[in-house]
Amino acid sequence: KGGTPAMQANPHAAIELPLRVVIWQDDNGDTHIDYQDASTVLEFDYGVAHNIVAPVSILTTLLNEVVGN
C-alpha cells in the first residue's frame, strides 16, 4: 500500500524501498538505531508527489516513537 504507488510514480524509488533500519552496538556497548525518513527522500530526491508518499511518512512517525525521538 505504501511503497507500491511511489515505485509506480518513479521506478527509481525502489532503491529506497523496502524501508531499512540498522541497529548496531558501538565499542562502549551503546545501542544505536539509524534510519532515513523515506517519505522525504522519495518526495525531494525522487520527485514523488506528497500525496503518494504520505502513507510512507506514517512509518517514520512510528520509528521515531520506537526510538524515542
PDB file of N, CA and C in Angstrom:
ATOM      1  N   LYS A   1       0.815  -1.199   0.000  1.00  0.00           N
ATOM      2  CA  LYS A   1       0.000   0.000   0.000  1.00  0.00           C
ATOM      3  C   LYS A   1       0.855   1.258   0.000  1.00  0.00           C
ATOM      4  N   GLY A   2       1.921   1.270   0.766  1.00  0.00           N
ATOM      5  CA  GLY A   2       2.718   2.486   0.891  1.00  0.00           C
ATOM      6  C   GLY A   2       3.756   2.658  -0.191  1.00  0.00           C
ATOM      7  N   GLY A   3       4.529   1.615  -0.429  1.00  0.00           N
ATOM      8  CA  GLY A   3       5.644   1.737  -1.355  1.00  0.00           C
ATOM      9  C   GLY A   3       5.298   1.571  -2.814  1.00  0.00           C
ATOM     10  N   THR A   4       4.314   0.743  -3.103  1.00  0.00           N
ATOM     11  CA  THR A   4       3.986   0.448  -4.499  1.00  0.00           C
ATOM     12  C   THR A   4       3.608   1.697  -5.289  1.00  0.00           C
ATOM     13  N   PRO A   5       2.730   2.563  -4.792  1.00  0.00           N
ATOM     14  CA  PRO A   5       2.414   3.771  -5.563  1.00  0.00           C
ATOM     15  C   PRO A   5       3.637   4.656  -5.815  1.00  0.00           C
ATOM     16  N   ALA A   6       4.541   4.727  -4.854  1.00  0.00           N
ATOM     17  CA  ALA A   6       5.758   5.524  -5.042  1.00  0.00           C
ATOM     18  C   ALA A   6       6.622   4.926  -6.144  1.00  0.00           C
ATOM     19  N   MET A   7       6.741   3.602  -6.160  1.00  0.00           N
ATOM     20  CA  MET A   7       7.547   2.944  -7.197  1.00  0.00           C
ATOM     21  C   MET A   7       6.875   3.045  -8.564  1.00  0.00           C
ATOM     22  N   GLN A   8       5.559   3.079  -8.587  1.00  0.00           N
ATOM     23  CA  GLN A   8       4.859   3.258  -9.856  1.00  0.00           C
ATOM     24  C   GLN A   8       5.048   4.679 -10.376  1.00  0.00           C
ATOM     25  N   ALA A   9       5.089   5.653  -9.462  1.00  0.00           N
ATOM     26  CA  ALA A   9       5.293   7.045  -9.857  1.00  0.00           C
ATOM     27  C   ALA A   9       6.716   7.278 -10.365  1.00  0.00           C
ATOM     28  N   ASN A  10       7.680   6.606  -9.747  1.00  0.00           N
ATOM     29  CA  ASN A  10       9.082   6.714 -10.163  1.00  0.00           C
ATOM     30  C   ASN A  10       9.764   5.392  -9.826  1.00  0.00           C
ATOM     31  N   PRO A  11       9.999   4.546 -10.817  1.00  0.00           N
ATOM     32  CA  PRO A  11      10.595   3.232 -10.557  1.00  0.00           C
ATOM     33  C   PRO A  11      11.924   3.294  -9.815  1.00  0.00           C
ATOM     34  N   HIS A  12      12.658   4.391  -9.925  1.00  0.00           N
ATOM     35  CA  HIS A  12      13.932   4.523  -9.207  1.00  0.00           C
ATOM     36  C   HIS A  12      13.733   4.551  -7.692  1.00  0.00           C
ATOM     37  N   ALA A  13      12.521   4.861  -7.258  1.00  0.00           N
ATOM     38  CA  ALA A  13      12.222   4.886  -5.828  1.00  0.00           C
ATOM     39  C   ALA A  13      12.395   3.514  -5.189  1.00  0.00           C
ATOM     40  N   ALA A  14      12.404   2.473  -5.994  1.00  0.00           N
ATOM     41  CA  ALA A  14      12.576   1.109  -5.475  1.00  0.00           C
ATOM     42  C   ALA A  14      13.926   0.937  -4.780  1.00  0.00           C
ATOM     43  N   ILE A  15      14.867   1.810  -5.073  1.00  0.00           N
ATOM     44  CA  ILE A  15      16.174   1.756  -4.398  1.00  0.00           C
ATOM     45  C   ILE A  15      15.997   2.010  -2.899  1.00  0.00           C
ATOM     46  N   GLU A  16      15.023   2.812  -2.542  1.00  0.00           N
ATOM     47  CA  GLU A  16      14.792   3.181  -1.140  1.00  0.00           C
ATOM     48  C   GLU A  16      13.831   2.231  -0.429  1.00  0.00           C
ATOM     49  N   LEU A  17      13.198   1.364  -1.162  1.00  0.00           N
ATOM     50  CA  LEU A  17      12.155   0.503  -0.599  1.00  0.00           C
ATOM     51  C   LEU A  17      12.522  -0.957  -0.774  1.00  0.00           C
ATOM     52  N   PRO A  18      12.229  -1.832   0.146  1.00  0.00           N
ATOM     53  CA  PRO A  18      11.513  -1.558   1.385  1.00  0.00           C
ATOM     54  C   PRO A  18      12.362  -0.735   2.347  1.00  0.00           C
ATOM     55  N   LEU A  19      11.701  -0.180   3.322  1.00  0.00           N
ATOM     56  CA  LEU A  19      12.396   0.632   4.317  1.00  0.00           C
ATOM     57  C   LEU A  19      13.394  -0.230   5.082  1.00  0.00           C
ATOM     58  N   ARG A  20      14.492   0.396   5.468  1.00  0.00           N
ATOM     59  CA  ARG A  20      15.527  -0.330   6.196  1.00  0.00           C
ATOM     60  C   ARG A  20      15.853   0.400   7.499  1.00  0.00           C
ATOM     61  N   VAL A  21      16.122  -0.396   8.499  1.00  0.00           N
ATOM     62  CA  VAL A  21      16.533   0.115   9.800  1.00  0.00           C
ATOM     63  C   VAL A  21      17.798  -0.633  10.184  1.00  0.00           C
ATOM     64  N   VAL A  22      18.780   0.099  10.666  1.00  0.00           N
ATOM     65  CA  VAL A  22      20.031  -0.516  11.103  1.00  0.00           C
ATOM     66  C   VAL A  22      20.136  -0.356  12.621  1.00  0.00           C
ATOM     67  N   ILE A  23      20.333  -1.460  13.290  1.00  0.00           N
ATOM     68  CA  ILE A  23      20.532  -1.442  14.740  1.00  0.00           C
ATOM     69  C   ILE A  23      21.929  -1.971  14.998  1.00  0.00           C
ATOM     70  N   TRP A  24      22.735  -1.180  15.702  1.00  0.00           N
ATOM     71  CA  TRP A  24      24.115  -1.586  15.924  1.00  0.00           C
ATOM     72  C   TRP A  24      24.575  -1.151  17.312  1.00  0.00           C
ATOM     73  N   GLN A  25      25.627  -1.831  17.762  1.00  0.00           N
ATOM     74  CA  GLN A  25      26.193  -1.562  19.079  1.00  0.00           C
ATOM     75  C   GLN A  25      27.620  -1.062  18.896  1.00  0.00           C
ATOM     76  N   ASP A  26      27.944   0.043  19.573  1.00  0.00           N
ATOM     77  CA  ASP A  26      29.297   0.589  19.458  1.00  0.00           C
ATOM     78  C   ASP A  26      30.243  -0.080  20.461  1.00  0.00           C
ATOM     79  N   ASP A  27      31.490   0.336  20.441  1.00  0.00           N
ATOM     80  CA  ASP A  27      32.514  -0.257  21.308  1.00  0.00           C
ATOM     81  C   ASP A  27      32.239  -0.047  22.797  1.00  0.00           C
ATOM     82  N   ASN A  28      31.421   0.957  23.120  1.00  0.00           N
ATOM     83  CA  ASN A  28      31.079   1.221  24.518  1.00  0.00           C
ATOM     84  C   ASN A  28      29.862   0.427  24.983  1.00  0.00           C
ATOM     85  N   GLY A  29      29.277  -0.349  24.073  1.00  0.00           N
ATOM     86  CA  GLY A  29      28.110  -1.144  24.421  1.00  0.00           C
ATOM     87  C   GLY A  29      26.789  -0.406  24.242  1.00  0.00           C
ATOM     88  N   ASP A  30      26.855   0.821  23.710  1.00  0.00           N
ATOM     89  CA  ASP A  30      25.627   1.579  23.473  1.00  0.00           C
ATOM     90  C   ASP A  30      24.979   1.108  22.170  1.00  0.00           C
ATOM     91  N   THR A  31      23.668   0.991  22.191  1.00  0.00           N
ATOM     92  CA  THR A  31      22.926   0.550  21.019  1.00  0.00           C
ATOM     93  C   THR A  31      22.376   1.761  20.283  1.00  0.00           C
ATOM     94  N   HIS A  32      22.477   1.737  18.962  1.00  0.00           N
ATOM     95  CA  HIS A  32      22.016   2.827  18.105  1.00  0.00           C
ATOM     96  C   HIS A  32      21.054   2.285  17.057  1.00  0.00           C
ATOM     97  N   ILE A  33      20.097   3.114  16.683  1.00  0.00           N
ATOM     98  CA  ILE A  33      19.161   2.766  15.626  1.00  0.00           C
ATOM     99  C   ILE A  33      19.210   3.885  14.601  1.00  0.00           C
ATOM    100  N   ASP A  34      19.506   3.532  13.361  1.00  0.00           N
ATOM    101  CA  ASP A  34      19.595   4.509  12.274  1.00  0.00           C
ATOM    102  C   ASP A  34      18.590   4.167  11.185  1.00  0.00           C
ATOM    103  N   TYR A  35      17.985   5.199  10.637  1.00  0.00           N
ATOM    104  CA  TYR A  35      17.062   5.041   9.513  1.00  0.00           C
ATOM    105  C   TYR A  35      16.900   6.395   8.838  1.00  0.00           C
ATOM    106  N   GLN A  36      16.450   6.370   7.613  1.00  0.00           N
ATOM    107  CA  GLN A  36      16.178   7.597   6.877  1.00  0.00           C
ATOM    108  C   GLN A  36      14.689   7.857   6.855  1.00  0.00           C
ATOM    109  N   ASP A  37      14.322   9.111   6.756  1.00  0.00           N
ATOM    110  CA  ASP A  37      12.924   9.481   6.552  1.00  0.00           C
ATOM    111  C   ASP A  37      12.622   9.249   5.079  1.00  0.00           C
ATOM    112  N   ALA A  38      12.121   8.064   4.767  1.00  0.00           N
ATOM    113  CA  ALA A  38      11.908   7.663   3.374  1.00  0.00           C
ATOM    114  C   ALA A  38      10.926   8.572   2.655  1.00  0.00           C
ATOM    115  N   SER A  39       9.934   9.091   3.352  1.00  0.00           N
ATOM    116  CA  SER A  39       8.965   9.947   2.679  1.00  0.00           C
ATOM    117  C   SER A  39       9.625  11.224   2.160  1.00  0.00           C
ATOM    118  N   THR A  40      10.538  11.789   2.935  1.00  0.00           N
ATOM    119  CA  THR A  40      11.253  12.983   2.485  1.00  0.00           C
ATOM    120  C   THR A  40      12.161  12.663   1.311  1.00  0.00           C
ATOM    121  N   VAL A  41      12.874  11.550   1.394  1.00  0.00           N
ATOM    122  CA  VAL A  41      13.759  11.139   0.302  1.00  0.00           C
ATOM    123  C   VAL A  41      12.958  10.897  -0.975  1.00  0.00           C
ATOM    124  N   LEU A  42      11.843  10.186  -0.853  1.00  0.00           N
ATOM    125  CA  LEU A  42      11.027   9.896  -2.036  1.00  0.00           C
ATOM    126  C   LEU A  42      10.464  11.164  -2.655  1.00  0.00           C
ATOM    127  N   GLU A  43      10.040  12.087  -1.812  1.00  0.00           N
ATOM    128  CA  GLU A  43       9.435  13.318  -2.324  1.00  0.00           C
ATOM    129  C   GLU A  43      10.470  14.253  -2.947  1.00  0.00           C
ATOM    130  N   PHE A  44      11.563  14.501  -2.237  1.00  0.00           N
ATOM    131  CA  PHE A  44      12.501  15.514  -2.702  1.00  0.00           C
ATOM    132  C   PHE A  44      13.597  14.974  -3.615  1.00  0.00           C
ATOM    133  N   ASP A  45      14.046  13.760  -3.390  1.00  0.00           N
ATOM    134  CA  ASP A  45      15.104  13.205  -4.242  1.00  0.00           C
ATOM    135  C   ASP A  45      14.557  12.524  -5.492  1.00  0.00           C
ATOM    136  N   TYR A  46      13.358  11.953  -5.370  1.00  0.00           N
ATOM    137  CA  TYR A  46      12.793  11.203  -6.491  1.00  0.00           C
ATOM    138  C   TYR A  46      11.593  11.888  -7.129  1.00  0.00           C
ATOM    139  N   GLY A  47      11.172  13.011  -6.588  1.00  0.00           N
ATOM    140  CA  GLY A  47      10.094  13.785  -7.180  1.00  0.00           C
ATOM    141  C   GLY A  47       8.723  13.130  -7.112  1.00  0.00           C
ATOM    142  N   VAL A  48       8.518  12.261  -6.142  1.00  0.00           N
ATOM    143  CA  VAL A  48       7.221  11.606  -5.988  1.00  0.00           C
ATOM    144  C   VAL A  48       6.306  12.572  -5.223  1.00  0.00           C
ATOM    145  N   ALA A  49       5.087  12.733  -5.693  1.00  0.00           N
ATOM    146  CA  ALA A  49       4.143  13.687  -5.112  1.00  0.00           C
ATOM    147  C   ALA A  49       3.885  13.391  -3.635  1.00  0.00           C
ATOM    148  N   HIS A  50       3.704  14.466  -2.873  1.00  0.00           N
ATOM    149  CA  HIS A  50       3.491  14.351  -1.426  1.00  0.00           C
ATOM    150  C   HIS A  50       2.327  13.420  -1.096  1.00  0.00           C
ATOM    151  N   ASN A  51       1.222  13.530  -1.819  1.00  0.00           N
ATOM    152  CA  ASN A  51       0.061  12.693  -1.503  1.00  0.00           C
ATOM    153  C   ASN A  51       0.348  11.210  -1.723  1.00  0.00           C
ATOM    154  N   ILE A  52       1.301  10.890  -2.590  1.00  0.00           N
ATOM    155  CA  ILE A  52       1.660   9.490  -2.835  1.00  0.00           C
ATOM    156  C   ILE A  52       2.558   8.954  -1.725  1.00  0.00           C
ATOM    157  N   VAL A  53       3.449   9.797  -1.212  1.00  0.00           N
ATOM    158  CA  VAL A  53       4.364   9.329  -0.155  1.00  0.00           C
ATOM    159  C   VAL A  53       3.788   9.486   1.252  1.00  0.00           C
ATOM    160  N   ALA A  54       2.628  10.104   1.375  1.00  0.00           N
ATOM    161  CA  ALA A  54       2.028  10.317   2.701  1.00  0.00           C
ATOM    162  C   ALA A  54       1.902   9.026   3.516  1.00  0.00           C
ATOM    163  N   PRO A  55       1.462   7.897   2.911  1.00  0.00           N
ATOM    164  CA  PRO A  55       1.384   6.662   3.720  1.00  0.00           C
ATOM    165  C   PRO A  55       2.744   6.211   4.263  1.00  0.00           C
ATOM    166  N   VAL A  56       3.811   6.490   3.534  1.00  0.00           N
ATOM    167  CA  VAL A  56       5.151   6.105   3.984  1.00  0.00           C
ATOM    168  C   VAL A  56       5.576   6.961   5.177  1.00  0.00           C
ATOM    169  N   SER A  57       5.132   8.210   5.235  1.00  0.00           N
ATOM    170  CA  SER A  57       5.523   9.099   6.330  1.00  0.00           C
ATOM    171  C   SER A  57       5.019   8.597   7.675  1.00  0.00           C
ATOM    172  N   ILE A  58       3.951   7.829   7.669  1.00  0.00           N
ATOM    173  CA  ILE A  58       3.432   7.247   8.915  1.00  0.00           C
ATOM    174  C   ILE A  58       4.482   6.325   9.537  1.00  0.00           C
ATOM    175  N   LEU A  59       5.228   5.630   8.692  1.00  0.00           N
ATOM    176  CA  LEU A  59       6.265   4.726   9.200  1.00  0.00           C
ATOM    177  C   LEU A  59       7.369   5.484   9.913  1.00  0.00           C
ATOM    178  N   THR A  60       7.730   6.656   9.409  1.00  0.00           N
ATOM    179  CA  THR A  60       8.749   7.469  10.069  1.00  0.00           C
ATOM    180  C   THR A  60       8.253   7.891  11.446  1.00  0.00           C
ATOM    181  N   THR A  61       6.994   8.258  11.540  1.00  0.00           N
ATOM    182  CA  THR A  61       6.412   8.627  12.836  1.00  0.00           C
ATOM    183  C   THR A  61       6.493   7.458  13.812  1.00  0.00           C
ATOM    184  N   LEU A  62       6.176   6.264  13.346  1.00  0.00           N
ATOM    185  CA  LEU A  62       6.251   5.071  14.194  1.00  0.00           C
ATOM    186  C   LEU A  62       7.682   4.782  14.622  1.00  0.00           C
ATOM    187  N   LEU A  63       8.627   4.901  13.681  1.00  0.00           N
ATOM    188  CA  LEU A  63      10.037   4.668  14.023  1.00  0.00           C
ATOM    189  C   LEU A  63      10.522   5.679  15.050  1.00  0.00           C
ATOM    190  N   ASN A  64      10.120   6.933  14.911  1.00  0.00           N
ATOM    191  CA  ASN A  64      10.502   7.962  15.891  1.00  0.00           C
ATOM    192  C   ASN A  64       9.986   7.604  17.275  1.00  0.00           C
ATOM    193  N   GLU A  65       8.777   7.066  17.346  1.00  0.00           N
ATOM    194  CA  GLU A  65       8.219   6.673  18.640  1.00  0.00           C
ATOM    195  C   GLU A  65       8.988   5.491  19.242  1.00  0.00           C
ATOM    196  N   VAL A  66       9.362   4.540  18.407  1.00  0.00           N
ATOM    197  CA  VAL A  66      10.117   3.374  18.881  1.00  0.00           C
ATOM    198  C   VAL A  66      11.473   3.807  19.426  1.00  0.00           C
ATOM    199  N   VAL A  67      12.118   4.710  18.714  1.00  0.00           N
ATOM    200  CA  VAL A  67      13.461   5.149  19.092  1.00  0.00           C
ATOM    201  C   VAL A  67      13.411   6.143  20.245  1.00  0.00           C
ATOM    202  N   GLY A  68      12.288   6.812  20.420  1.00  0.00           N
ATOM    203  CA  GLY A  68      12.167   7.778  21.496  1.00  0.00           C
ATOM    204  C   GLY A  68      12.487   9.198  21.077  1.00  0.00           C
ATOM    205  N   ASN A  69      12.363   9.481  19.782  1.00  0.00           N
ATOM    206  CA  ASN A  69      12.593  10.860  19.295  1.00  0.00           C
ATOM    207  C   ASN A  69      11.346  11.684  19.417  1.00  0.00           C
TER     208      ASN A  69
END
